C-alpha atoms as a PDB file:
ATOM      1  CA  MET A   1     241.073-122.321  -6.006  1.00  0.00           C
ATOM      2  CA  THR A   2     241.798-123.395  -9.592  1.00  0.00           C
ATOM      3  CA  PHE A   3     239.656-124.212 -12.613  1.00  0.00           C
ATOM      4  CA  SER A   4     240.797-126.188 -15.619  1.00  0.00           C
ATOM      5  CA  VAL A   5     240.203-124.905 -19.123  1.00  0.00           C
ATOM      6  CA  GLN A   6     237.744-127.756 -19.635  1.00  0.00           C
ATOM      7  CA  ASP A   7     235.763-126.752 -16.544  1.00  0.00           C
ATOM      8  CA  MET A   8     235.745-123.092 -17.554  1.00  0.00           C
ATOM      9  CA  ASP A   9     234.564-123.924 -21.070  1.00  0.00           C
ATOM     10  CA  LYS A  10     231.269-124.995 -19.473  1.00  0.00           C
ATOM     11  CA  ARG A  11     230.866-121.447 -18.176  1.00  0.00           C
ATOM     12  CA  ILE A  12     231.521-119.707 -21.506  1.00  0.00           C
ATOM     13  CA  VAL A  13     228.826-119.205 -24.132  1.00  0.00           C
ATOM     14  CA  ARG A  14     230.258-118.242 -27.504  1.00  0.00           C
ATOM     15  CA  TYR A  15     228.239-115.981 -29.770  1.00  0.00           C
ATOM     16  CA  GLY A  16     228.320-118.585 -32.522  1.00  0.00           C
ATOM     17  CA  ASP A  17     226.969-121.257 -30.167  1.00  0.00           C
ATOM     18  CA  LEU A  18     223.907-119.334 -28.994  1.00  0.00           C
ATOM     19  CA  GLN A  19     220.740-121.372 -29.471  1.00  0.00           C
ATOM     20  CA  PRO A  20     217.723-119.235 -30.407  1.00  0.00           C
ATOM     21  CA  CYS A  21     214.076-119.796 -29.631  1.00  0.00           C
ATOM     22  CA  LYS A  22     211.482-118.330 -31.994  1.00  0.00           C
ATOM     23  CA  THR A  23     208.500-119.336 -29.859  1.00  0.00           C
ATOM     24  CA  ALA A  24     209.629-117.880 -26.531  1.00  0.00           C
ATOM     25  CA  PHE A  25     206.840-115.370 -25.968  1.00  0.00           C
ATOM     26  CA  ILE A  26     203.204-114.643 -26.588  1.00  0.00           C
ATOM     27  CA  ASP A  27     203.809-112.465 -29.669  1.00  0.00           C
ATOM     28  CA  ALA A  28     205.654-115.217 -31.572  1.00  0.00           C
ATOM     29  CA  HIS A  29     202.868-115.366 -34.222  1.00  0.00           C
ATOM     30  CA  THR A  30     201.971-111.655 -34.237  1.00  0.00           C
ATOM     31  CA  PRO A  31     202.954-109.972 -37.522  1.00  0.00           C
ATOM     32  CA  GLY A  32     205.881-107.646 -36.966  1.00  0.00           C
ATOM     33  CA  SER A  33     207.161-109.717 -34.030  1.00  0.00           C
ATOM     34  CA  ASP A  34     207.187-113.200 -35.509  1.00  0.00           C
ATOM     35  CA  GLN A  35     210.805-113.139 -36.702  1.00  0.00           C
ATOM     36  CA  LYS A  36     212.539-112.379 -33.428  1.00  0.00           C
ATOM     37  CA  GLU A  37     214.911-114.799 -31.752  1.00  0.00           C
ATOM     38  CA  ASN A  38     215.284-115.021 -27.979  1.00  0.00           C
ATOM     39  CA  PHE A  39     218.288-116.415 -26.114  1.00  0.00           C
ATOM     40  CA  THR A  40     218.589-117.479 -22.484  1.00  0.00           C
ATOM     41  CA  ILE A  41     222.277-117.370 -21.624  1.00  0.00           C
ATOM     42  CA  ILE A  42     222.453-117.456 -17.821  1.00  0.00           C
ATOM     43  CA  GLY A  43     219.503-118.434 -15.604  1.00  0.00           C
ATOM     44  CA  GLY A  44     216.037-119.581 -16.525  1.00  0.00           C
ATOM     45  CA  GLY A  45     214.868-116.214 -17.814  1.00  0.00           C
ATOM     46  CA  VAL A  46     211.195-115.468 -18.397  1.00  0.00           C
ATOM     47  CA  SER A  47     210.487-117.499 -21.523  1.00  0.00           C
ATOM     48  CA  GLU A  48     206.927-118.817 -21.811  1.00  0.00           C
ATOM     49  CA  SER A  49     207.995-121.694 -24.056  1.00  0.00           C
ATOM     50  CA  PRO A  50     209.451-125.127 -23.153  1.00  0.00           C
ATOM     51  CA  ASP A  51     211.512-124.849 -26.347  1.00  0.00           C
ATOM     52  CA  GLN A  52     213.822-122.221 -24.831  1.00  0.00           C
ATOM     53  CA  HIS A  53     217.357-123.543 -24.295  1.00  0.00           C
ATOM     54  CA  VAL A  54     219.162-122.439 -21.110  1.00  0.00           C
ATOM     55  CA  HIS A  55     222.911-122.306 -21.692  1.00  0.00           C
ATOM     56  CA  ILE A  56     224.102-121.859 -18.082  1.00  0.00           C
ATOM     57  CA  SER A  57     221.758-122.669 -15.211  1.00  0.00           C
ATOM     58  CA  ILE A  58     224.119-121.749 -12.342  1.00  0.00           C
ATOM     59  CA  PRO A  59     222.419-119.140 -10.093  1.00  0.00           C
ATOM     60  CA  HIS A  60     224.056-115.713 -10.286  1.00  0.00           C
ATOM     61  CA  GLY A  61     221.493-113.486  -8.600  1.00  0.00           C
ATOM     62  CA  PHE A  62     220.436-112.224 -12.037  1.00  0.00           C
ATOM     63  CA  ASN A  63     219.634-113.566 -15.500  1.00  0.00           C
ATOM     64  CA  ILE A  64     221.416-112.841 -18.780  1.00  0.00           C
ATOM     65  CA  GLY A  65     219.479-113.079 -22.016  1.00  0.00           C
ATOM     66  CA  ALA A  66     219.478-111.638 -25.513  1.00  0.00           C
ATOM     67  CA  ALA A  67     217.166-110.773 -28.369  1.00  0.00           C
ATOM     68  CA  GLY A  68     218.133-110.979 -32.016  1.00  0.00           C
ATOM     69  CA  GLN A  69     215.897-109.348 -34.587  1.00  0.00           C
ATOM     70  CA  PRO A  70     215.984-108.517 -38.290  1.00  0.00           C
ATOM     71  CA  PRO A  71     215.172-104.976 -39.416  1.00  0.00           C
ATOM     72  CA  LYS A  72     211.640-103.714 -38.637  1.00  0.00           C
ATOM     73  CA  CYS A  73     210.994-106.557 -36.175  1.00  0.00           C
ATOM     74  CA  ARG A  74     209.732-105.481 -32.754  1.00  0.00           C
ATOM     75  CA  ASN A  75     209.309-106.840 -29.250  1.00  0.00           C
ATOM     76  CA  SER A  76     205.857-106.132 -27.823  1.00  0.00           C
ATOM     77  CA  LEU A  77     205.001-103.939 -24.837  1.00  0.00           C
ATOM     78  CA  HIS A  78     205.642-105.679 -21.523  1.00  0.00           C
ATOM     79  CA  ASP A  79     206.869-105.198 -17.974  1.00  0.00           C
ATOM     80  CA  HIS A  80     208.736-107.253 -15.377  1.00  0.00           C
ATOM     81  CA  HIS A  81     208.575-107.588 -11.608  1.00  0.00           C
ATOM     82  CA  THR A  82     212.332-107.009 -11.341  1.00  0.00           C
ATOM     83  CA  ALA A  83     214.862-104.761 -13.011  1.00  0.00           C
ATOM     84  CA  GLU A  84     215.646-104.984 -16.710  1.00  0.00           C
ATOM     85  CA  ALA A  85     218.695-103.440 -18.342  1.00  0.00           C
ATOM     86  CA  PHE A  86     219.723-103.704 -21.995  1.00  0.00           C
ATOM     87  CA  PHE A  87     222.918-102.965 -23.870  1.00  0.00           C
ATOM     88  CA  VAL A  88     223.264-102.975 -27.631  1.00  0.00           C
ATOM     89  CA  LEU A  89     225.695-105.492 -29.050  1.00  0.00           C
ATOM     90  CA  SER A  90     224.951-104.730 -32.689  1.00  0.00           C
ATOM     91  CA  GLY A  91     222.499-102.726 -34.756  1.00  0.00           C
ATOM     92  CA  ARG A  92     220.407 -99.644 -34.117  1.00  0.00           C
ATOM     93  CA  TRP A  93     217.413 -99.916 -31.805  1.00  0.00           C
ATOM     94  CA  ARG A  94     214.391 -97.856 -30.855  1.00  0.00           C
ATOM     95  CA  PHE A  95     213.043 -98.383 -27.348  1.00  0.00           C
ATOM     96  CA  PHE A  96     209.546 -97.098 -26.615  1.00  0.00           C
ATOM     97  CA  TRP A  97     207.312 -97.189 -23.569  1.00  0.00           C
ATOM     98  CA  GLY A  98     203.901 -96.416 -22.085  1.00  0.00           C
ATOM     99  CA  ARG A  99     200.462 -98.030 -22.195  1.00  0.00           C
ATOM    100  CA  TRP A 100     200.361 -97.742 -25.991  1.00  0.00           C
ATOM    101  CA  GLY A 101     204.092 -97.296 -26.581  1.00  0.00           C
ATOM    102  CA  ASP A 102     203.815 -93.588 -27.303  1.00  0.00           C
ATOM    103  CA  ALA A 103     204.813 -91.986 -23.982  1.00  0.00           C
ATOM    104  CA  GLY A 104     208.466 -91.689 -24.993  1.00  0.00           C
ATOM    105  CA  GLU A 105     211.303 -93.259 -26.956  1.00  0.00           C
ATOM    106  CA  VAL A 106     215.071 -93.400 -27.256  1.00  0.00           C
ATOM    107  CA  ILE A 107     217.424 -94.583 -30.006  1.00  0.00           C
ATOM    108  CA  LEU A 108     220.352 -96.728 -28.867  1.00  0.00           C
ATOM    109  CA  GLU A 109     223.532 -97.557 -30.759  1.00  0.00           C
ATOM    110  CA  LYS A 110     226.263-100.155 -30.161  1.00  0.00           C
ATOM    111  CA  GLY A 111     227.408-100.238 -26.538  1.00  0.00           C
ATOM    112  CA  ASP A 112     224.685 -97.931 -25.202  1.00  0.00           C
ATOM    113  CA  ILE A 113     222.837 -99.158 -22.111  1.00  0.00           C
ATOM    114  CA  PHE A 114     219.276 -98.597 -20.877  1.00  0.00           C
ATOM    115  CA  ASN A 115     218.268 -99.354 -17.287  1.00  0.00           C
ATOM    116  CA  ILE A 116     214.461 -99.519 -17.302  1.00  0.00           C
ATOM    117  CA  PRO A 117     212.498 -99.164 -14.050  1.00  0.00           C
ATOM    118  CA  THR A 118     209.673-101.549 -13.297  1.00  0.00           C
ATOM    119  CA  GLY A 119     206.153-100.187 -13.511  1.00  0.00           C
ATOM    120  CA  ILE A 120     206.476 -99.174 -17.181  1.00  0.00           C
ATOM    121  CA  PHE A 121     205.367-101.065 -20.289  1.00  0.00           C
ATOM    122  CA  ARG A 122     208.340-101.171 -22.649  1.00  0.00           C
ATOM    123  CA  GLY A 123     209.087-102.517 -26.119  1.00  0.00           C
ATOM    124  CA  PHE A 124     211.839-102.262 -28.702  1.00  0.00           C
ATOM    125  CA  GLU A 125     212.466-102.664 -32.407  1.00  0.00           C
ATOM    126  CA  ASN A 126     215.444-103.004 -34.706  1.00  0.00           C
ATOM    127  CA  ILE A 127     215.524 -99.885 -36.881  1.00  0.00           C
ATOM    128  CA  GLY A 128     218.879-100.693 -38.453  1.00  0.00           C
ATOM    129  CA  SER A 129     219.540-102.184 -41.872  1.00  0.00           C
ATOM    130  CA  ASP A 130     220.938-105.531 -40.651  1.00  0.00           C
ATOM    131  CA  TYR A 131     220.183-108.217 -38.089  1.00  0.00           C
ATOM    132  CA  GLY A 132     220.835-106.761 -34.636  1.00  0.00           C
ATOM    133  CA  MET A 133     221.381-108.116 -31.141  1.00  0.00           C
ATOM    134  CA  ILE A 134     220.698-106.645 -27.719  1.00  0.00           C
ATOM    135  CA  MET A 135     221.789-108.215 -24.445  1.00  0.00           C
ATOM    136  CA  ALA A 136     219.544-108.139 -21.377  1.00  0.00           C
ATOM    137  CA  ILE A 137     220.122-108.328 -17.616  1.00  0.00           C
ATOM    138  CA  LEU A 138     217.126-109.289 -15.477  1.00  0.00           C
ATOM    139  CA  GLY A 139     217.207-108.990 -11.722  1.00  0.00           C
ATOM    140  CA  GLY A 140     216.803-112.055  -9.505  1.00  0.00           C
ATOM    141  CA  ASP A 141     217.484-115.731 -10.083  1.00  0.00           C
ATOM    142  CA  ASP A 142     213.843-116.349 -11.026  1.00  0.00           C
ATOM    143  CA  ALA A 143     213.595-113.048 -12.961  1.00  0.00           C
ATOM    144  CA  GLY A 144     210.519-112.053 -11.006  1.00  0.00           C
ATOM    145  CA  GLY A 145     208.257-114.890 -12.082  1.00  0.00           C
ATOM    146  CA  GLY A 146     207.325-113.950 -15.637  1.00  0.00           C
ATOM    147  CA  VAL A 147     206.268-111.176 -17.985  1.00  0.00           C
ATOM    148  CA  MET A 148     203.331-108.773 -17.701  1.00  0.00           C
ATOM    149  CA  TRP A 149     201.942-107.915 -21.134  1.00  0.00           C
ATOM    150  CA  ALA A 150     199.971-104.895 -22.242  1.00  0.00           C
ATOM    151  CA  PRO A 151     196.355-106.033 -22.844  1.00  0.00           C
ATOM    152  CA  GLN A 152     196.466-105.438 -26.585  1.00  0.00           C
ATOM    153  CA  VAL A 153     199.474-107.780 -26.875  1.00  0.00           C
ATOM    154  CA  ILE A 154     197.490-110.646 -25.345  1.00  0.00           C
ATOM    155  CA  GLU A 155     194.492-109.876 -27.552  1.00  0.00           C
ATOM    156  CA  ASP A 156     196.602-109.704 -30.731  1.00  0.00           C
ATOM    157  CA  ALA A 157     198.288-112.988 -29.851  1.00  0.00           C
ATOM    158  CA  GLN A 158     194.968-114.761 -29.391  1.00  0.00           C
ATOM    159  CA  ALA A 159     193.873-113.496 -32.798  1.00  0.00           C
ATOM    160  CA  HIS A 160     196.934-115.217 -34.292  1.00  0.00           C
ATOM    161  CA  GLY A 161     196.601-118.521 -32.473  1.00  0.00           C
ATOM    162  CA  LEU A 162     198.646-118.155 -29.293  1.00  0.00           C
ATOM    163  CA  VAL A 163     197.007-118.259 -25.874  1.00  0.00           C
ATOM    164  CA  LEU A 164     198.885-117.596 -22.641  1.00  0.00           C
ATOM    165  CA  GLY A 165     197.489-119.772 -19.866  1.00  0.00           C
ATOM    166  CA  SER A 166     197.109-118.847 -16.232  1.00  0.00           C
ATOM    167  CA  ASP A 167     199.967-121.298 -15.624  1.00  0.00           C
ATOM    168  CA  GLY A 168     202.311-118.989 -17.542  1.00  0.00           C
ATOM    169  CA  LYS A 169     202.634-121.368 -20.509  1.00  0.00           C
ATOM    170  CA  LEU A 170     201.825-120.781 -24.164  1.00  0.00           C
ATOM    171  CA  TYR A 171     199.275-122.873 -26.071  1.00  0.00           C
ATOM    172  CA  ASP A 172     199.237-122.811 -29.873  1.00  0.00           C
ATOM    173  CA  THR A 173     195.729-123.304 -31.228  1.00  0.00           C
ATOM    174  CA  LYS A 174     197.188-123.628 -34.732  1.00  0.00           C
ATOM    175  CA  LYS A 175     198.719-126.886 -33.496  1.00  0.00           C
ATOM    176  CA  GLN A 176     195.423-127.954 -31.893  1.00  0.00           C
ATOM    177  CA  GLN A 177     196.825-127.347 -28.428  1.00  0.00           C
ATOM    178  CA  ARG A 178     194.205-126.799 -25.752  1.00  0.00           C
ATOM    179  CA  LEU A 179     194.421-125.424 -22.262  1.00  0.00           C
ATOM    180  CA  PRO A 180     194.478-128.254 -19.684  1.00  0.00           C
ATOM    181  CA  ASP A 181     191.584-128.693 -17.292  1.00  0.00           C
ATOM    182  CA  GLY A 182     191.671-126.061 -14.595  1.00  0.00           C
ATOM    183  CA  ILE A 183     193.836-123.695 -16.663  1.00  0.00           C
ATOM    184  CA  THR A 184     192.194-120.536 -17.975  1.00  0.00           C
ATOM    185  CA  PRO A 185     193.539-117.889 -20.353  1.00  0.00           C
ATOM    186  CA  MET A 186     195.739-115.323 -18.630  1.00  0.00           C
ATOM    187  CA  GLU A 187     193.586-112.382 -17.628  1.00  0.00           C
ATOM    188  CA  THR A 188     194.514-108.948 -18.903  1.00  0.00           C
ATOM    189  CA  MET A 189     195.279-106.238 -16.390  1.00  0.00           C
ATOM    190  CA  SER A 190     192.326-104.518 -14.787  1.00  0.00           C
ATOM    191  CA  PRO A 191     191.771-100.771 -15.251  1.00  0.00           C
ATOM    192  CA  GLU A 192     193.048-100.300 -11.702  1.00  0.00           C
ATOM    193  CA  GLU A 193     196.254-102.196 -12.451  1.00  0.00           C
ATOM    194  CA  LEU A 194     196.749-100.343 -15.710  1.00  0.00           C
ATOM    195  CA  ALA A 195     196.369 -97.035 -13.894  1.00  0.00           C
ATOM    196  CA  LYS A 196     199.488 -97.918 -11.897  1.00  0.00           C
ATOM    197  CA  ARG A 197     201.606 -98.127 -15.067  1.00  0.00           C
ATOM    198  CA  ALA A 198     203.758 -95.022 -15.511  1.00  0.00           C
ATOM    199  CA  GLU A 199     203.836 -92.781 -18.596  1.00  0.00           C
ATOM    200  CA  PRO A 200     207.134 -90.862 -18.282  1.00  0.00           C
ATOM    201  CA  SER A 201     208.276 -88.676 -21.146  1.00  0.00           C
ATOM    202  CA  THR A 202     211.569 -89.024 -22.978  1.00  0.00           C
ATOM    203  CA  ALA A 203     212.882 -86.021 -21.038  1.00  0.00           C
ATOM    204  CA  ASP A 204     211.969 -87.799 -17.800  1.00  0.00           C
ATOM    205  CA  VAL A 205     213.739 -91.023 -18.711  1.00  0.00           C
ATOM    206  CA  LEU A 206     216.947 -90.155 -20.560  1.00  0.00           C
ATOM    207  CA  PRO A 207     218.979 -88.342 -17.851  1.00  0.00           C
ATOM    208  CA  ASN A 208     218.872 -91.113 -15.247  1.00  0.00           C
ATOM    209  CA  HIS A 209     218.305 -94.298 -17.218  1.00  0.00           C
ATOM    210  CA  VAL A 210     220.367 -94.124 -20.446  1.00  0.00           C
ATOM    211  CA  ALA A 211     224.173 -94.129 -20.693  1.00  0.00           C
ATOM    212  CA  ARG A 212     225.984 -93.668 -23.996  1.00  0.00           C
ATOM    213  CA  TYR A 213     228.891 -95.928 -24.902  1.00  0.00           C
ATOM    214  CA  TRP A 214     231.409 -93.243 -25.768  1.00  0.00           C
ATOM    215  CA  ASP A 215     230.615 -91.263 -22.627  1.00  0.00           C
ATOM    216  CA  MET A 216     231.265 -94.390 -20.555  1.00  0.00           C
ATOM    217  CA  VAL A 217     234.530 -95.007 -22.405  1.00  0.00           C
ATOM    218  CA  ALA A 218     235.617 -91.465 -21.518  1.00  0.00           C
ATOM    219  CA  TYR A 219     234.645 -91.915 -17.868  1.00  0.00           C
ATOM    220  CA  GLY A 220     236.560 -95.208 -17.817  1.00  0.00           C
ATOM    221  CA  ASP A 221     239.915 -93.729 -18.814  1.00  0.00           C
ATOM    222  CA  ARG A 222     241.564 -94.461 -15.440  1.00  0.00           C
ATOM    223  CA  LYS A 223     239.341 -96.996 -13.716  1.00  0.00           C
ATOM    224  CA  PRO A 224     236.302 -99.023 -14.818  1.00  0.00           C
ATOM    225  CA  CYS A 225     233.215 -96.883 -15.256  1.00  0.00           C
ATOM    226  CA  LYS A 226     230.516 -97.707 -12.703  1.00  0.00           C
ATOM    227  CA  VAL A 227     227.430 -97.728 -14.938  1.00  0.00           C
ATOM    228  CA  ILE A 228     224.621 -99.155 -12.795  1.00  0.00           C
ATOM    229  CA  GLY A 229     224.887 -99.064  -9.006  1.00  0.00           C
ATOM    230  CA  ALA A 230     224.337 -96.851  -6.012  1.00  0.00           C
ATOM    231  CA  THR A 231     227.279 -94.681  -7.118  1.00  0.00           C
ATOM    232  CA  GLY A 232     226.970 -95.315 -10.863  1.00  0.00           C
ATOM    233  CA  LEU A 233     226.154 -93.081 -13.798  1.00  0.00           C
ATOM    234  CA  LEU A 234     222.695 -94.648 -13.579  1.00  0.00           C
ATOM    235  CA  LYS A 235     222.049 -94.611  -9.846  1.00  0.00           C
ATOM    236  CA  ASP A 236     220.015 -97.661  -8.949  1.00  0.00           C
ATOM    237  CA  LYS A 237     220.215-100.749  -6.731  1.00  0.00           C
ATOM    238  CA  PRO A 238     218.508-103.373  -8.919  1.00  0.00           C
ATOM    239  CA  GLY A 239     220.163-106.423  -7.375  1.00  0.00           C
ATOM    240  CA  PHE A 240     223.256-106.191  -9.598  1.00  0.00           C
ATOM    241  CA  GLU A 241     225.997-103.752 -10.524  1.00  0.00           C
ATOM    242  CA  VAL A 242     227.333-103.100 -14.018  1.00  0.00           C
ATOM    243  CA  ASP A 243     230.778-101.681 -14.862  1.00  0.00           C
ATOM    244  CA  LEU A 244     232.277-100.905 -18.261  1.00  0.00           C
ATOM    245  CA  VAL A 245     235.947-101.903 -18.418  1.00  0.00           C
ATOM    246  CA  THR A 246     237.961-100.202 -21.168  1.00  0.00           C
ATOM    247  CA  ARG A 247     241.418-100.697 -22.596  1.00  0.00           C
ATOM    248  CA  SER A 248     242.817 -97.932 -20.393  1.00  0.00           C
ATOM    249  CA  SER A 249     241.077 -99.122 -17.224  1.00  0.00           C
ATOM    250  CA  ALA A 250     241.790-102.852 -17.596  1.00  0.00           C
ATOM    251  CA  SER A 251     244.373-104.426 -15.280  1.00  0.00           C
ATOM    252  CA  ALA A 252     246.441-107.596 -15.552  1.00  0.00           C
ATOM    253  CA  THR A 253     246.442-107.864 -11.751  1.00  0.00           C
ATOM    254  CA  LYS A 254     244.234-110.749 -10.704  1.00  0.00           C
ATOM    255  CA  HIS A 255     241.281-110.137  -8.408  1.00  0.00           C
ATOM    256  CA  LYS A 256     238.328-112.181  -7.154  1.00  0.00           C
ATOM    257  CA  HIS A 257     234.736-111.793  -5.965  1.00  0.00           C
ATOM    258  CA  ASP A 258     232.755-113.610  -3.305  1.00  0.00           C
ATOM    259  CA  ARG A 259     230.026-114.431  -5.833  1.00  0.00           C
ATOM    260  CA  PRO A 260     229.895-115.295  -9.545  1.00  0.00           C
ATOM    261  CA  SER A 261     230.532-112.460 -11.989  1.00  0.00           C
ATOM    262  CA  VAL A 262     229.991-112.150 -15.726  1.00  0.00           C
ATOM    263  CA  LEU A 263     232.181-110.714 -18.502  1.00  0.00           C
ATOM    264  CA  MET A 264     230.556-109.615 -21.785  1.00  0.00           C
ATOM    265  CA  PRO A 265     232.765-107.904 -24.410  1.00  0.00           C
ATOM    266  CA  VAL A 266     231.199-105.149 -26.510  1.00  0.00           C
ATOM    267  CA  THR A 267     234.255-104.310 -28.625  1.00  0.00           C
ATOM    268  CA  GLY A 268     237.665-105.876 -29.102  1.00  0.00           C
ATOM    269  CA  HIS A 269     239.131-109.234 -28.125  1.00  0.00           C
ATOM    270  CA  TRP A 270     239.956-109.901 -24.495  1.00  0.00           C
ATOM    271  CA  ARG A 271     242.363-112.319 -22.823  1.00  0.00           C
ATOM    272  CA  VAL A 272     241.039-113.694 -19.541  1.00  0.00           C
ATOM    273  CA  ASP A 273     243.566-115.360 -17.233  1.00  0.00           C
ATOM    274  CA  TRP A 274     242.720-117.297 -14.089  1.00  0.00           C
ATOM    275  CA  GLU A 275     244.405-119.752 -11.789  1.00  0.00           C
ATOM    276  CA  GLY A 276     244.277-122.800 -14.000  1.00  0.00           C
ATOM    277  CA  GLY A 277     244.158-121.426 -17.528  1.00  0.00           C
ATOM    278  CA  SER A 278     243.299-118.651 -19.957  1.00  0.00           C
ATOM    279  CA  THR A 279     240.910-117.966 -22.816  1.00  0.00           C
ATOM    280  CA  SER A 280     239.981-115.302 -25.336  1.00  0.00           C
ATOM    281  CA  LEU A 281     236.605-113.571 -25.505  1.00  0.00           C
ATOM    282  CA  ALA A 282     235.098-111.738 -28.469  1.00  0.00           C
ATOM    283  CA  PRO A 283     232.040-109.464 -28.727  1.00  0.00           C
ATOM    284  CA  GLY A 284     228.899-111.500 -28.130  1.00  0.00           C
ATOM    285  CA  ASP A 285     230.628-114.034 -25.900  1.00  0.00           C
ATOM    286  CA  THR A 286     229.505-114.410 -22.280  1.00  0.00           C
ATOM    287  CA  MET A 287     231.753-115.759 -19.531  1.00  0.00           C
ATOM    288  CA  SER A 288     230.677-116.693 -16.011  1.00  0.00           C
ATOM    289  CA  VAL A 289     233.586-116.391 -13.574  1.00  0.00           C
ATOM    290  CA  PRO A 290     233.246-118.588 -10.475  1.00  0.00           C
ATOM    291  CA  GLU A 291     233.228-116.998  -7.044  1.00  0.00           C
ATOM    292  CA  ASN A 292     236.588-116.705  -5.230  1.00  0.00           C
ATOM    293  CA  LEU A 293     238.573-117.424  -8.408  1.00  0.00           C
ATOM    294  CA  PRO A 294     241.438-114.941  -8.997  1.00  0.00           C
ATOM    295  CA  HIS A 295     241.250-113.688 -12.581  1.00  0.00           C
ATOM    296  CA  SER A 296     242.087-110.775 -14.863  1.00  0.00           C
ATOM    297  CA  ALA A 297     240.897-109.498 -18.236  1.00  0.00           C
ATOM    298  CA  VAL A 298     242.893-107.338 -20.655  1.00  0.00           C
ATOM    299  CA  PRO A 299     242.576-106.558 -24.377  1.00  0.00           C
ATOM    300  CA  SER A 300     244.555-108.965 -26.532  1.00  0.00           C
ATOM    301  CA  MET A 301     244.538-106.974 -29.804  1.00  0.00           C
ATOM    302  CA  SER A 302     244.837-103.342 -30.841  1.00  0.00           C
ATOM    303  CA  GLY A 303     241.808-101.143 -31.466  1.00  0.00           C
ATOM    304  CA  ASP A 304     238.722-100.307 -29.457  1.00  0.00           C
ATOM    305  CA  ALA A 305     238.148-102.616 -26.506  1.00  0.00           C
ATOM    306  CA  ALA A 306     235.454-102.522 -23.843  1.00  0.00           C
ATOM    307  CA  LEU A 307     233.508-105.119 -21.906  1.00  0.00           C
ATOM    308  CA  TYR A 308     230.638-105.102 -19.457  1.00  0.00           C
ATOM    309  CA  HIS A 309     231.192-106.649 -16.036  1.00  0.00           C
ATOM    310  CA  ILE A 310     228.114-107.709 -14.051  1.00  0.00           C
ATOM    311  CA  ILE A 311     227.948-108.897 -10.459  1.00  0.00           C
ATOM    312  CA  SER A 312     225.024-109.439  -8.123  1.00  0.00           C
ATOM    313  CA  THR A 313     224.352-107.493  -4.925  1.00  0.00           C
ATOM    314  CA  ASN A 314     221.945-108.086  -2.085  1.00  0.00           C
ATOM    315  CA  ASP A 315     219.758-105.151  -3.038  1.00  0.00           C
ATOM    316  CA  PRO A 316     216.030-105.302  -3.813  1.00  0.00           C
ATOM    317  CA  ALA A 317     214.507-105.274  -7.284  1.00  0.00           C
ATOM    318  CA  GLY A 318     215.456-101.689  -8.146  1.00  0.00           C
ATOM    319  CA  LEU A 319     213.621 -98.553  -9.118  1.00  0.00           C
ATOM    320  CA  THR A 320     209.897 -98.591  -9.730  1.00  0.00           C
ATOM    321  CA  TRP A 321     208.553 -95.638 -11.621  1.00  0.00           C
ATOM    322  CA  LYS A 322     205.452 -94.372  -9.851  1.00  0.00           C
ATOM    323  CA  ALA A 323     202.535 -93.284 -12.031  1.00  0.00           C
END
């Protein structure tokens, strides 16, 4: 099996070519959240806006997205039906969780990864001094069918002109948009549903759901560090596995998978060779490698070099934190 460079270019999304959407979610008008940019890189994602551009629509068994935010901008409390994992590409980020966002929090730096169980409202904000970017992995090709918002998020959005319909689409009353006949505003969760949301403390979450970049680099000194997986640092079976490949664990020997895989550099420049061509990847780039295509990835310059490798599994949606 061979792929030409031209064919492979269609499966590479360069950081500089990412197309943002500023109206992707219900909090797009809410002060404090109205400057965020959302990116859908692989798969349809969970955007509530028809304006969201999908870069690669090939099914992978998971979705890849990103959020870019200036300092002090936050993403509102929400949950998903399937797994959600984040790694920091740039900036300094505070993740918080719970019904009101005060059950616990963690600060993540470049390269750190957070595997968040379902059943917990979560949000995040850029607490750095510059524009920052986090990359997201969502389980499933359909990403679980949408986002579940904390009630106050829906109420705040309505107060600023955005209504989420029962069809999962956003309607902007500031633009005189009205809900179509038969479509009602999305109902907020009932007290019974809210009671099922978990409120774990920081001490509960950190040991099994957060991995630090430099720890993973140390673990990956001889072979790639298994980060998320049944035998990973973060033991979970969310429908995908995540490895961190470092300079010392990278190999020029070609290998292949029976399903598509994804390469996402965090640091350094990487040369990817396959039967049919080669390319270079930089931090922020995303490459989808076709199934059954022999390939290799090694650093192409001196200095720190690490990339995340993601591949789907046939596992269910992953851990659900029980309240």
